[in-house]
């Protein structure tokens, strides 16, 4: 219920933001709807629930993580860029940054919580060392994408090396 409330509250906050022009509000609300809806978080949850306890392939797991955490991290980064009046290409880069950061977060989460749960994780598919290597690969992809923004590289590094 809390998640439902917070998601709906986000739409409300955007719709009622007095400092934003109507066109920007509509754009942000449509992005929020897409990232949280069937092509984003809810779509990822549907895929996750529909797997029927079967072991996922690595590409399926990546899609689920990109639709869930990746979509929301991507949305947050893109919305920040839009609100800062960034150029359209920078907004796209921020979305890609957030998508990859969300994936990196999920991989490191799997590594930190690597006990046997019966769920498909990067650790269950690749082993702990393989999952670490995949996290490093995604981190390097992030660093390449945001090379002109050292602060974003630092955020990605904190996600990669986090201990909780």
Protein backbone atom coordinates (compact mmCIF):
# COMPACT_ATOMS: atom_id res chain seq x y z
CA UNK A 1 0.00 0.00 0.00
CA UNK A 2 2.81 2.42 0.77
CA UNK A 3 4.25 1.99 -2.71
CA UNK A 4 0.83 2.60 -4.26
CA UNK A 5 0.44 5.77 -2.22
CA UNK A 6 3.90 7.08 -3.08
CA UNK A 7 3.46 6.42 -6.80
CA UNK A 8 0.12 8.20 -6.89
CA UNK A 9 1.50 11.02 -4.74
CA UNK A 10 4.25 11.56 -7.34
CA UNK A 11 1.61 12.21 -10.02
CA UNK A 12 -0.19 14.58 -7.65
CA UNK A 13 2.97 16.53 -6.78
CA UNK A 14 3.85 16.99 -10.44
CA UNK A 15 0.33 18.02 -11.41
CA UNK A 16 0.14 20.59 -8.61
CA UNK A 17 3.70 22.03 -8.93
CA UNK A 18 3.09 25.79 -9.23
CA UNK A 19 6.58 26.56 -10.55
CA UNK A 20 6.23 24.31 -13.63
CA UNK A 21 4.58 25.26 -16.89
CA UNK A 22 1.75 23.03 -18.09
CA UNK A 23 3.79 21.63 -21.01
CA UNK A 24 6.61 20.55 -18.69
CA UNK A 25 4.14 19.02 -16.23
CA UNK A 26 2.51 16.98 -19.00
CA UNK A 27 5.91 15.80 -20.22
CA UNK A 28 7.08 14.77 -16.75
CA UNK A 29 3.78 13.07 -15.90
CA UNK A 30 3.90 11.08 -19.15
CA UNK A 31 7.47 9.98 -18.37
CA UNK A 32 6.42 8.96 -14.86
CA UNK A 33 3.49 6.99 -16.27
CA UNK A 34 5.69 5.14 -18.77
CA UNK A 35 8.46 4.35 -16.26
CA UNK A 36 6.04 3.10 -13.64
CA UNK A 37 3.54 1.40 -15.96
CA UNK A 38 3.46 -1.56 -18.31
CA UNK A 39 6.70 -0.74 -20.12
CA UNK A 40 8.50 -0.02 -16.86
CA UNK A 41 8.15 -1.06 -13.24
CA UNK A 42 4.76 -2.78 -13.42
CA UNK A 43 5.76 -4.55 -16.64
CA UNK A 44 8.92 -5.81 -14.94
CA UNK A 45 6.91 -6.99 -11.95
CA UNK A 46 4.52 -8.85 -14.26
CA UNK A 47 7.48 -10.60 -15.93
CA UNK A 48 8.96 -11.41 -12.53
CA UNK A 49 5.71 -12.92 -11.24
CA UNK A 50 4.98 -14.78 -14.50
CA UNK A 51 8.19 -16.81 -14.38
CA UNK A 52 6.47 -19.52 -12.29
CA UNK A 53 9.50 -20.46 -10.15
CA UNK A 54 11.55 -21.36 -13.22
CA UNK A 55 15.19 -20.33 -13.39
CA UNK A 56 15.55 -17.30 -15.62
CA UNK A 57 18.21 -16.81 -18.25
CA UNK A 58 20.61 -13.93 -17.65
CA UNK A 59 19.01 -11.84 -20.43
CA UNK A 60 15.56 -12.31 -18.86
CA UNK A 61 16.85 -11.26 -15.44
CA UNK A 62 18.47 -8.18 -16.96
CA UNK A 63 15.19 -7.19 -18.66
CA UNK A 64 13.30 -7.50 -15.37
CA UNK A 65 15.88 -5.38 -13.52
CA UNK A 66 15.98 -2.78 -16.30
CA UNK A 67 12.18 -2.51 -16.30
CA UNK A 68 11.89 -2.25 -12.54
CA UNK A 69 14.82 -0.55 -10.83
CA UNK A 70 16.44 0.65 -14.04
CA UNK A 71 13.29 2.40 -15.25
CA UNK A 72 12.80 4.24 -11.96
CA UNK A 73 16.46 5.25 -11.62
CA UNK A 74 16.40 6.31 -15.28
CA UNK A 75 13.27 8.36 -14.73
CA UNK A 76 14.76 10.13 -11.71
CA UNK A 77 17.92 11.04 -13.63
CA UNK A 78 16.04 12.17 -16.73
CA UNK A 79 13.54 14.23 -14.73
CA UNK A 80 16.40 15.96 -12.96
CA UNK A 81 17.95 16.83 -16.30
CA UNK A 82 14.64 18.11 -17.66
CA UNK A 83 14.03 20.25 -14.57
CA UNK A 84 17.56 21.65 -14.94
CA UNK A 85 16.71 22.58 -18.55
CA UNK A 86 19.38 20.30 -19.98
CA UNK A 87 19.68 19.75 -23.71
CA UNK A 88 17.61 16.83 -25.12
CA UNK A 89 20.73 14.71 -25.74
CA UNK A 90 21.83 15.22 -22.13
CA UNK A 91 18.36 14.15 -20.95
CA UNK A 92 18.72 10.93 -22.95
CA UNK A 93 22.18 10.37 -21.49
CA UNK A 94 20.80 10.88 -17.98
CA UNK A 95 18.07 8.32 -18.61
CA UNK A 96 20.66 5.81 -19.86
CA UNK A 97 22.82 6.61 -16.83
CA UNK A 98 19.91 5.93 -14.48
CA UNK A 99 18.93 2.74 -16.30
CA UNK A 100 22.46 1.38 -15.99
CA UNK A 101 22.80 2.61 -12.41
CA UNK A 102 19.60 0.72 -11.53
CA UNK A 103 21.00 -2.44 -13.10
CA UNK A 104 24.29 -1.97 -11.24
CA UNK A 105 22.34 -1.48 -8.01
CA UNK A 106 20.46 -4.75 -8.54
CA UNK A 107 23.61 -6.73 -9.36
CA UNK A 108 25.39 -5.42 -6.27
CA UNK A 109 22.25 -6.11 -4.25
CA UNK A 110 22.37 -9.74 -5.44
CA UNK A 111 26.04 -9.94 -4.42
CA UNK A 112 25.36 -8.48 -0.97
CA UNK A 113 22.37 -10.73 -0.38
CA UNK A 114 23.82 -13.89 -1.88
CA UNK A 115 22.15 -16.44 0.39
CA UNK A 116 20.14 -19.16 -1.35
CA UNK A 117 16.55 -17.98 -1.73
CA UNK A 118 15.32 -20.00 -4.69
CA UNK A 119 15.02 -16.80 -6.74
CA UNK A 120 17.10 -16.30 -9.84
CA UNK A 121 19.84 -13.75 -9.17
CA UNK A 122 23.08 -12.75 -10.83
CA UNK A 123 24.89 -14.77 -8.15
CA UNK A 124 22.76 -17.90 -8.71
CA UNK A 125 23.40 -17.68 -12.46
CA UNK A 126 27.02 -16.48 -12.58
CA UNK A 127 28.41 -17.26 -9.13
CA UNK A 128 29.63 -14.52 -6.81
CA UNK A 129 32.78 -13.81 -8.81
CA UNK A 130 30.89 -13.80 -12.12
CA UNK A 131 28.33 -11.39 -10.65
CA UNK A 132 31.18 -9.12 -9.48
CA UNK A 133 32.63 -9.18 -12.99
CA UNK A 134 29.21 -8.29 -14.45
CA UNK A 135 28.89 -5.42 -11.95
CA UNK A 136 32.33 -4.15 -13.03
CA UNK A 137 31.28 -4.40 -16.70
CA UNK A 138 28.12 -2.37 -16.09
CA UNK A 139 30.09 0.13 -13.97
CA UNK A 140 32.58 0.60 -16.82
CA UNK A 141 29.67 1.18 -19.21
CA UNK A 142 28.31 3.85 -16.87
CA UNK A 143 31.73 5.52 -16.55
CA UNK A 144 32.09 5.67 -20.32
CA UNK A 145 28.61 7.15 -20.71
CA UNK A 146 29.12 9.91 -18.11
CA UNK A 147 32.83 10.63 -18.60
CA UNK A 148 32.14 14.39 -18.80
CA UNK A 149 30.36 14.36 -15.39
CA UNK A 150 32.77 13.14 -12.67
CA UNK A 151 30.07 13.49 -10.00
CA UNK A 152 27.98 10.83 -11.74
CA UNK A 153 30.98 8.53 -11.94
CA UNK A 154 31.34 8.92 -8.16
CA UNK A 155 27.70 7.95 -7.66
CA UNK A 156 28.20 4.82 -9.76
CA UNK A 157 31.35 3.98 -7.82
CA UNK A 158 29.47 4.26 -4.52
CA UNK A 159 26.82 1.85 -5.85
CA UNK A 160 29.52 -0.58 -7.01
CA UNK A 161 31.43 -0.68 -3.72
CA UNK A 162 28.54 -0.31 -1.27
CA UNK A 163 28.37 -2.72 1.64
CA UNK A 164 24.68 -2.52 2.45
